[in-house]
PDB file of N, CA and C in Angstrom:
ATOM      1  N   MET A   1      42.572 -43.459  17.800  1.00  0.00           N
ATOM      2  CA  MET A   1      43.058 -42.181  18.276  1.00  0.00           C
ATOM      3  C   MET A   1      44.256 -41.773  17.424  1.00  0.00           C
ATOM      4  N   ALA A   2      44.261 -40.539  16.983  1.00  0.00           N
ATOM      5  CA  ALA A   2      45.323 -40.043  16.117  1.00  0.00           C
ATOM      6  C   ALA A   2      46.586 -39.730  16.915  1.00  0.00           C
ATOM      7  N   ASP A   3      47.708 -39.835  16.238  1.00  0.00           N
ATOM      8  CA  ASP A   3      48.986 -39.523  16.864  1.00  0.00           C
ATOM      9  C   ASP A   3      49.120 -38.008  16.993  1.00  0.00           C
ATOM     10  N   PRO A   4      49.265 -37.440  18.211  1.00  0.00           N
ATOM     11  CA  PRO A   4      49.297 -35.989  18.379  1.00  0.00           C
ATOM     12  C   PRO A   4      50.595 -35.348  17.897  1.00  0.00           C
ATOM     13  N   THR A   5      51.612 -36.128  17.591  1.00  0.00           N
ATOM     14  CA  THR A   5      52.879 -35.545  17.169  1.00  0.00           C
ATOM     15  C   THR A   5      53.017 -35.461  15.657  1.00  0.00           C
ATOM     16  N   THR A   6      51.994 -35.866  14.908  1.00  0.00           N
ATOM     17  CA  THR A   6      52.068 -35.805  13.458  1.00  0.00           C
ATOM     18  C   THR A   6      51.746 -34.401  12.980  1.00  0.00           C
ATOM     19  N   THR A   7      52.094 -34.124  11.744  1.00  0.00           N
ATOM     20  CA  THR A   7      51.775 -32.830  11.151  1.00  0.00           C
ATOM     21  C   THR A   7      50.702 -33.026  10.106  1.00  0.00           C
ATOM     22  N   GLU A   8      49.906 -31.979   9.919  1.00  0.00           N
ATOM     23  CA  GLU A   8      48.840 -32.028   8.932  1.00  0.00           C
ATOM     24  C   GLU A   8      49.319 -31.413   7.628  1.00  0.00           C
ATOM     25  N   THR A   9      48.980 -32.053   6.538  1.00  0.00           N
ATOM     26  CA  THR A   9      49.193 -31.459   5.224  1.00  0.00           C
ATOM     27  C   THR A   9      47.932 -31.663   4.422  1.00  0.00           C
ATOM     28  N   GLY A  10      47.635 -30.701   3.598  1.00  0.00           N
ATOM     29  CA  GLY A  10      46.450 -30.801   2.760  1.00  0.00           C
ATOM     30  C   GLY A  10      46.742 -31.466   1.436  1.00  0.00           C
ATOM     31  N   ALA A  11      47.982 -31.813   1.178  1.00  0.00           N
ATOM     32  CA  ALA A  11      48.367 -32.371  -0.109  1.00  0.00           C
ATOM     33  C   ALA A  11      48.163 -33.874  -0.137  1.00  0.00           C
ATOM     34  N   VAL A  12      47.845 -34.358  -1.314  1.00  0.00           N
ATOM     35  CA  VAL A  12      47.737 -35.791  -1.526  1.00  0.00           C
ATOM     36  C   VAL A  12      49.068 -36.253  -2.076  1.00  0.00           C
ATOM     37  N   SER A  13      49.613 -37.311  -1.509  1.00  0.00           N
ATOM     38  CA  SER A  13      50.933 -37.755  -1.953  1.00  0.00           C
ATOM     39  C   SER A  13      50.821 -38.497  -3.284  1.00  0.00           C
ATOM     40  N   ALA A  14      51.779 -38.237  -4.135  1.00  0.00           N
ATOM     41  CA  ALA A  14      51.841 -38.885  -5.442  1.00  0.00           C
ATOM     42  C   ALA A  14      52.734 -40.115  -5.328  1.00  0.00           C
ATOM     43  N   PRO A  15      52.650 -41.026  -6.285  1.00  0.00           N
ATOM     44  CA  PRO A  15      53.554 -42.175  -6.256  1.00  0.00           C
ATOM     45  C   PRO A  15      55.014 -41.723  -6.280  1.00  0.00           C
ATOM     46  N   ALA A  16      55.869 -42.495  -5.675  1.00  0.00           N
ATOM     47  CA  ALA A  16      57.273 -42.117  -5.523  1.00  0.00           C
ATOM     48  C   ALA A  16      57.979 -41.968  -6.856  1.00  0.00           C
ATOM     49  N   ALA A  17      57.617 -42.758  -7.870  1.00  0.00           N
ATOM     50  CA  ALA A  17      58.305 -42.712  -9.151  1.00  0.00           C
ATOM     51  C   ALA A  17      58.073 -41.373  -9.853  1.00  0.00           C
ATOM     52  N   THR A  18      56.869 -40.847  -9.826  1.00  0.00           N
ATOM     53  CA  THR A  18      56.603 -39.584 -10.500  1.00  0.00           C
ATOM     54  C   THR A  18      57.150 -38.403  -9.711  1.00  0.00           C
ATOM     55  N   THR A  19      57.210 -38.493  -8.398  1.00  0.00           N
ATOM     56  CA  THR A  19      57.703 -37.394  -7.580  1.00  0.00           C
ATOM     57  C   THR A  19      59.193 -37.193  -7.783  1.00  0.00           C
ATOM     58  N   ALA A  20      59.954 -38.271  -7.875  1.00  0.00           N
ATOM     59  CA  ALA A  20      61.403 -38.165  -8.015  1.00  0.00           C
ATOM     60  C   ALA A  20      61.802 -37.684  -9.408  1.00  0.00           C
ATOM     61  N   ALA A  21      61.049 -38.042 -10.431  1.00  0.00           N
ATOM     62  CA  ALA A  21      61.441 -37.722 -11.800  1.00  0.00           C
ATOM     63  C   ALA A  21      61.109 -36.283 -12.173  1.00  0.00           C
ATOM     64  N   VAL A  22      59.941 -35.777 -11.777  1.00  0.00           N
ATOM     65  CA  VAL A  22      59.506 -34.456 -12.203  1.00  0.00           C
ATOM     66  C   VAL A  22      59.154 -33.630 -10.963  1.00  0.00           C
ATOM     67  N   PRO A  23      59.863 -32.533 -10.718  1.00  0.00           N
ATOM     68  CA  PRO A  23      59.491 -31.696  -9.572  1.00  0.00           C
ATOM     69  C   PRO A  23      58.181 -30.958  -9.847  1.00  0.00           C
ATOM     70  N   ALA A  24      57.417 -30.730  -8.806  1.00  0.00           N
ATOM     71  CA  ALA A  24      56.132 -30.062  -8.959  1.00  0.00           C
ATOM     72  C   ALA A  24      56.337 -28.571  -9.180  1.00  0.00           C
ATOM     73  N   PRO A  25      55.495 -27.945 -10.016  1.00  0.00           N
ATOM     74  CA  PRO A  25      55.585 -26.492 -10.198  1.00  0.00           C
ATOM     75  C   PRO A  25      55.286 -25.770  -8.889  1.00  0.00           C
ATOM     76  N   ALA A  26      55.734 -24.526  -8.789  1.00  0.00           N
ATOM     77  CA  ALA A  26      55.577 -23.765  -7.549  1.00  0.00           C
ATOM     78  C   ALA A  26      54.111 -23.575  -7.179  1.00  0.00           C
ATOM     79  N   ALA A  27      53.231 -23.449  -8.176  1.00  0.00           N
ATOM     80  CA  ALA A  27      51.815 -23.215  -7.895  1.00  0.00           C
ATOM     81  C   ALA A  27      51.132 -24.466  -7.346  1.00  0.00           C
ATOM     82  N   VAL A  28      51.669 -25.641  -7.608  1.00  0.00           N
ATOM     83  CA  VAL A  28      51.027 -26.882  -7.201  1.00  0.00           C
ATOM     84  C   VAL A  28      51.548 -27.367  -5.846  1.00  0.00           C
ATOM     85  N   ARG A  29      52.720 -26.913  -5.425  1.00  0.00           N
ATOM     86  CA  ARG A  29      53.312 -27.377  -4.171  1.00  0.00           C
ATOM     87  C   ARG A  29      52.424 -27.047  -2.984  1.00  0.00           C
ATOM     88  N   ALA A  30      52.442 -27.930  -2.008  1.00  0.00           N
ATOM     89  CA  ALA A  30      51.632 -27.738  -0.811  1.00  0.00           C
ATOM     90  C   ALA A  30      52.281 -26.700   0.097  1.00  0.00           C
ATOM     91  N   LYS A  31      51.471 -26.043   0.912  1.00  0.00           N
ATOM     92  CA  LYS A  31      51.974 -25.089   1.896  1.00  0.00           C
ATOM     93  C   LYS A  31      52.727 -25.858   2.982  1.00  0.00           C
ATOM     94  N   PRO A  32      53.650 -25.202   3.683  1.00  0.00           N
ATOM     95  CA  PRO A  32      54.348 -25.885   4.776  1.00  0.00           C
ATOM     96  C   PRO A  32      53.352 -26.350   5.831  1.00  0.00           C
ATOM     97  N   ALA A  33      53.613 -27.498   6.391  1.00  0.00           N
ATOM     98  CA  ALA A  33      52.708 -28.053   7.390  1.00  0.00           C
ATOM     99  C   ALA A  33      52.807 -27.273   8.682  1.00  0.00           C
ATOM    100  N   LYS A  34      51.670 -27.086   9.320  1.00  0.00           N
ATOM    101  CA  LYS A  34      51.654 -26.430  10.623  1.00  0.00           C
ATOM    102  C   LYS A  34      52.002 -27.462  11.683  1.00  0.00           C
ATOM    103  N   THR A  35      52.692 -27.026  12.717  1.00  0.00           N
ATOM    104  CA  THR A  35      53.056 -27.920  13.801  1.00  0.00           C
ATOM    105  C   THR A  35      51.835 -28.154  14.673  1.00  0.00           C
ATOM    106  N   ILE A  36      51.445 -29.403  14.828  1.00  0.00           N
ATOM    107  CA  ILE A  36      50.269 -29.754  15.613  1.00  0.00           C
ATOM    108  C   ILE A  36      50.729 -30.571  16.812  1.00  0.00           C
ATOM    109  N   ASP A  37      50.271 -30.196  17.998  1.00  0.00           N
ATOM    110  CA  ASP A  37      50.604 -30.915  19.213  1.00  0.00           C
ATOM    111  C   ASP A  37      49.313 -31.121  19.984  1.00  0.00           C
ATOM    112  N   ALA A  38      48.871 -32.348  20.098  1.00  0.00           N
ATOM    113  CA  ALA A  38      47.632 -32.706  20.788  1.00  0.00           C
ATOM    114  C   ALA A  38      46.438 -31.954  20.197  1.00  0.00           C
ATOM    115  N   GLY A  39      46.446 -31.782  18.889  1.00  0.00           N
ATOM    116  CA  GLY A  39      45.328 -31.152  18.212  1.00  0.00           C
ATOM    117  C   GLY A  39      45.362 -29.641  18.210  1.00  0.00           C
ATOM    118  N   LYS A  40      46.378 -29.000  18.771  1.00  0.00           N
ATOM    119  CA  LYS A  40      46.468 -27.545  18.823  1.00  0.00           C
ATOM    120  C   LYS A  40      47.722 -27.093  18.090  1.00  0.00           C
ATOM    121  N   GLN A  41      47.672 -25.889  17.568  1.00  0.00           N
ATOM    122  CA  GLN A  41      48.850 -25.357  16.898  1.00  0.00           C
ATOM    123  C   GLN A  41      49.902 -25.000  17.942  1.00  0.00           C
ATOM    124  N   ALA A  42      51.111 -25.466  17.739  1.00  0.00           N
ATOM    125  CA  ALA A  42      52.184 -25.238  18.700  1.00  0.00           C
ATOM    126  C   ALA A  42      52.990 -23.994  18.364  1.00  0.00           C
ATOM    127  N   ASN A  43      52.832 -23.422  17.172  1.00  0.00           N
ATOM    128  CA  ASN A  43      53.652 -22.280  16.772  1.00  0.00           C
ATOM    129  C   ASN A  43      53.482 -21.093  17.707  1.00  0.00           C
ATOM    130  N   ARG A  44      52.262 -20.775  18.081  1.00  0.00           N
ATOM    131  CA  ARG A  44      52.011 -19.643  18.969  1.00  0.00           C
ATOM    132  C   ARG A  44      52.564 -19.926  20.364  1.00  0.00           C
ATOM    133  N   ARG A  45      52.389 -21.141  20.851  1.00  0.00           N
ATOM    134  CA  ARG A  45      52.900 -21.473  22.185  1.00  0.00           C
ATOM    135  C   ARG A  45      54.413 -21.398  22.227  1.00  0.00           C
ATOM    136  N   ILE A  46      55.066 -21.774  21.142  1.00  0.00           N
ATOM    137  CA  ILE A  46      56.527 -21.695  21.089  1.00  0.00           C
ATOM    138  C   ILE A  46      56.966 -20.238  21.137  1.00  0.00           C
ATOM    139  N   GLY A  47      56.274 -19.365  20.440  1.00  0.00           N
ATOM    140  CA  GLY A  47      56.605 -17.938  20.470  1.00  0.00           C
ATOM    141  C   GLY A  47      56.420 -17.331  21.843  1.00  0.00           C
ATOM    142  N   VAL A  48      55.324 -17.677  22.506  1.00  0.00           N
ATOM    143  CA  VAL A  48      55.081 -17.173  23.860  1.00  0.00           C
ATOM    144  C   VAL A  48      56.153 -17.683  24.815  1.00  0.00           C
ATOM    145  N   ARG A  49      56.504 -18.941  24.701  1.00  0.00           N
ATOM    146  CA  ARG A  49      57.543 -19.517  25.552  1.00  0.00           C
ATOM    147  C   ARG A  49      58.888 -18.841  25.309  1.00  0.00           C
ATOM    148  N   LEU A  50      59.181 -18.521  24.050  1.00  0.00           N
ATOM    149  CA  LEU A  50      60.427 -17.835  23.715  1.00  0.00           C
ATOM    150  C   LEU A  50      60.492 -16.461  24.383  1.00  0.00           C
ATOM    151  N   VAL A  51      59.400 -15.715  24.344  1.00  0.00           N
ATOM    152  CA  VAL A  51      59.363 -14.398  24.985  1.00  0.00           C
ATOM    153  C   VAL A  51      59.538 -14.534  26.491  1.00  0.00           C
ATOM    154  N   ILE A  52      58.856 -15.490  27.106  1.00  0.00           N
ATOM    155  CA  ILE A  52      58.961 -15.687  28.551  1.00  0.00           C
ATOM    156  C   ILE A  52      60.386 -16.051  28.940  1.00  0.00           C
ATOM    157  N   TYR A  53      61.014 -16.969  28.220  1.00  0.00           N
ATOM    158  CA  TYR A  53      62.389 -17.369  28.534  1.00  0.00           C
ATOM    159  C   TYR A  53      63.359 -16.213  28.344  1.00  0.00           C
ATOM    160  N   THR A  54      63.156 -15.398  27.305  1.00  0.00           N
ATOM    161  CA  THR A  54      64.037 -14.257  27.069  1.00  0.00           C
ATOM    162  C   THR A  54      63.930 -13.235  28.198  1.00  0.00           C
ATOM    163  N   VAL A  55      62.711 -12.925  28.605  1.00  0.00           N
ATOM    164  CA  VAL A  55      62.513 -11.972  29.707  1.00  0.00           C
ATOM    165  C   VAL A  55      63.097 -12.523  30.998  1.00  0.00           C
ATOM    166  N   ALA A  56      62.860 -13.793  31.285  1.00  0.00           N
ATOM    167  CA  ALA A  56      63.375 -14.383  32.526  1.00  0.00           C
ATOM    168  C   ALA A  56      64.901 -14.414  32.533  1.00  0.00           C
ATOM    169  N   THR A  57      65.522 -14.714  31.407  1.00  0.00           N
ATOM    170  CA  THR A  57      66.981 -14.744  31.324  1.00  0.00           C
ATOM    171  C   THR A  57      67.569 -13.354  31.542  1.00  0.00           C
ATOM    172  N   HIS A  58      66.955 -12.339  30.939  1.00  0.00           N
ATOM    173  CA  HIS A  58      67.451 -10.976  31.129  1.00  0.00           C
ATOM    174  C   HIS A  58      67.243 -10.501  32.570  1.00  0.00           C
ATOM    175  N   ALA A  59      66.132 -10.870  33.187  1.00  0.00           N
ATOM    176  CA  ALA A  59      65.903 -10.502  34.586  1.00  0.00           C
ATOM    177  C   ALA A  59      66.937 -11.169  35.487  1.00  0.00           C
ATOM    178  N   PHE A  60      67.247 -12.421  35.254  1.00  0.00           N
ATOM    179  CA  PHE A  60      68.252 -13.124  36.055  1.00  0.00           C
ATOM    180  C   PHE A  60      69.641 -12.501  35.862  1.00  0.00           C
ATOM    181  N   ALA A  61      69.982 -12.182  34.603  1.00  0.00           N
ATOM    182  CA  ALA A  61      71.277 -11.552  34.331  1.00  0.00           C
ATOM    183  C   ALA A  61      71.354 -10.177  34.999  1.00  0.00           C
ATOM    184  N   GLY A  62      70.269  -9.426  34.986  1.00  0.00           N
ATOM    185  CA  GLY A  62      70.234  -8.127  35.666  1.00  0.00           C
ATOM    186  C   GLY A  62      70.415  -8.273  37.162  1.00  0.00           C
ATOM    187  N   PHE A  63      69.823  -9.293  37.752  1.00  0.00           N
ATOM    188  CA  PHE A  63      69.977  -9.544  39.191  1.00  0.00           C
ATOM    189  C   PHE A  63      71.427  -9.879  39.520  1.00  0.00           C
ATOM    190  N   ILE A  64      72.075 -10.696  38.706  1.00  0.00           N
ATOM    191  CA  ILE A  64      73.484 -11.042  38.929  1.00  0.00           C
ATOM    192  C   ILE A  64      74.359  -9.792  38.822  1.00  0.00           C
ATOM    193  N   LEU A  65      74.108  -8.943  37.824  1.00  0.00           N
ATOM    194  CA  LEU A  65      74.867  -7.702  37.698  1.00  0.00           C
ATOM    195  C   LEU A  65      74.635  -6.786  38.894  1.00  0.00           C
ATOM    196  N   LEU A  66      73.422  -6.749  39.397  1.00  0.00           N
ATOM    197  CA  LEU A  66      73.128  -5.955  40.598  1.00  0.00           C
ATOM    198  C   LEU A  66      73.925  -6.470  41.789  1.00  0.00           C
ATOM    199  N   LEU A  67      74.024  -7.769  41.931  1.00  0.00           N
ATOM    200  CA  LEU A  67      74.814  -8.334  43.033  1.00  0.00           C
ATOM    201  C   LEU A  67      76.283  -7.945  42.903  1.00  0.00           C
ATOM    202  N   PHE A  68      76.824  -7.967  41.681  1.00  0.00           N
ATOM    203  CA  PHE A  68      78.213  -7.556  41.476  1.00  0.00           C
ATOM    204  C   PHE A  68      78.412  -6.080  41.822  1.00  0.00           C
ATOM    205  N   GLU A  69      77.468  -5.235  41.436  1.00  0.00           N
ATOM    206  CA  GLU A  69      77.577  -3.806  41.740  1.00  0.00           C
ATOM    207  C   GLU A  69      77.504  -3.546  43.240  1.00  0.00           C
ATOM    208  N   LEU A  70      76.593  -4.232  43.919  1.00  0.00           N
ATOM    209  CA  LEU A  70      76.478  -4.056  45.371  1.00  0.00           C
ATOM    210  C   LEU A  70      77.706  -4.592  46.080  1.00  0.00           C
ATOM    211  N   GLY A  71      78.267  -5.679  45.609  1.00  0.00           N
ATOM    212  CA  GLY A  71      79.471  -6.238  46.201  1.00  0.00           C
ATOM    213  C   GLY A  71      80.677  -5.349  45.968  1.00  0.00           C
ATOM    214  N   ASN A  72      80.734  -4.651  44.854  1.00  0.00           N
ATOM    215  CA  ASN A  72      81.838  -3.757  44.537  1.00  0.00           C
ATOM    216  C   ASN A  72      81.818  -2.514  45.417  1.00  0.00           C
ATOM    217  N   ARG A  73      80.662  -2.070  45.851  1.00  0.00           N
ATOM    218  CA  ARG A  73      80.550  -0.877  46.688  1.00  0.00           C
ATOM    219  C   ARG A  73      81.059  -1.104  48.101  1.00  0.00           C
ATOM    220  N   ASN A  74      81.086  -2.310  48.572  1.00  0.00           N
ATOM    221  CA  ASN A  74      81.486  -2.597  49.956  1.00  0.00           C
ATOM    222  C   ASN A  74      82.983  -2.761  50.115  1.00  0.00           C
ATOM    223  N   LYS A  75      83.773  -2.471  49.129  1.00  0.00           N
ATOM    224  CA  LYS A  75      85.229  -2.617  49.245  1.00  0.00           C
ATOM    225  C   LYS A  75      85.813  -1.528  50.084  1.00  0.00           C
TER     226      LYS A  75
END
């Protein structure tokens, strides 16, 4: 069973001695690895979670401000 927390890369690793001495040209470099979690891409889920947390935080802050406004009216 594969480790679900690893990342996938399409590149084949070169020996350490040649990698350190000569940097690879831009055309040969591998693309950034996609984040894989249990076999699924996590990038989209992270974006959706970010939107949900942002909306929930703003709704909570709005509720707190509403409480302050209502409390200020009763003076």
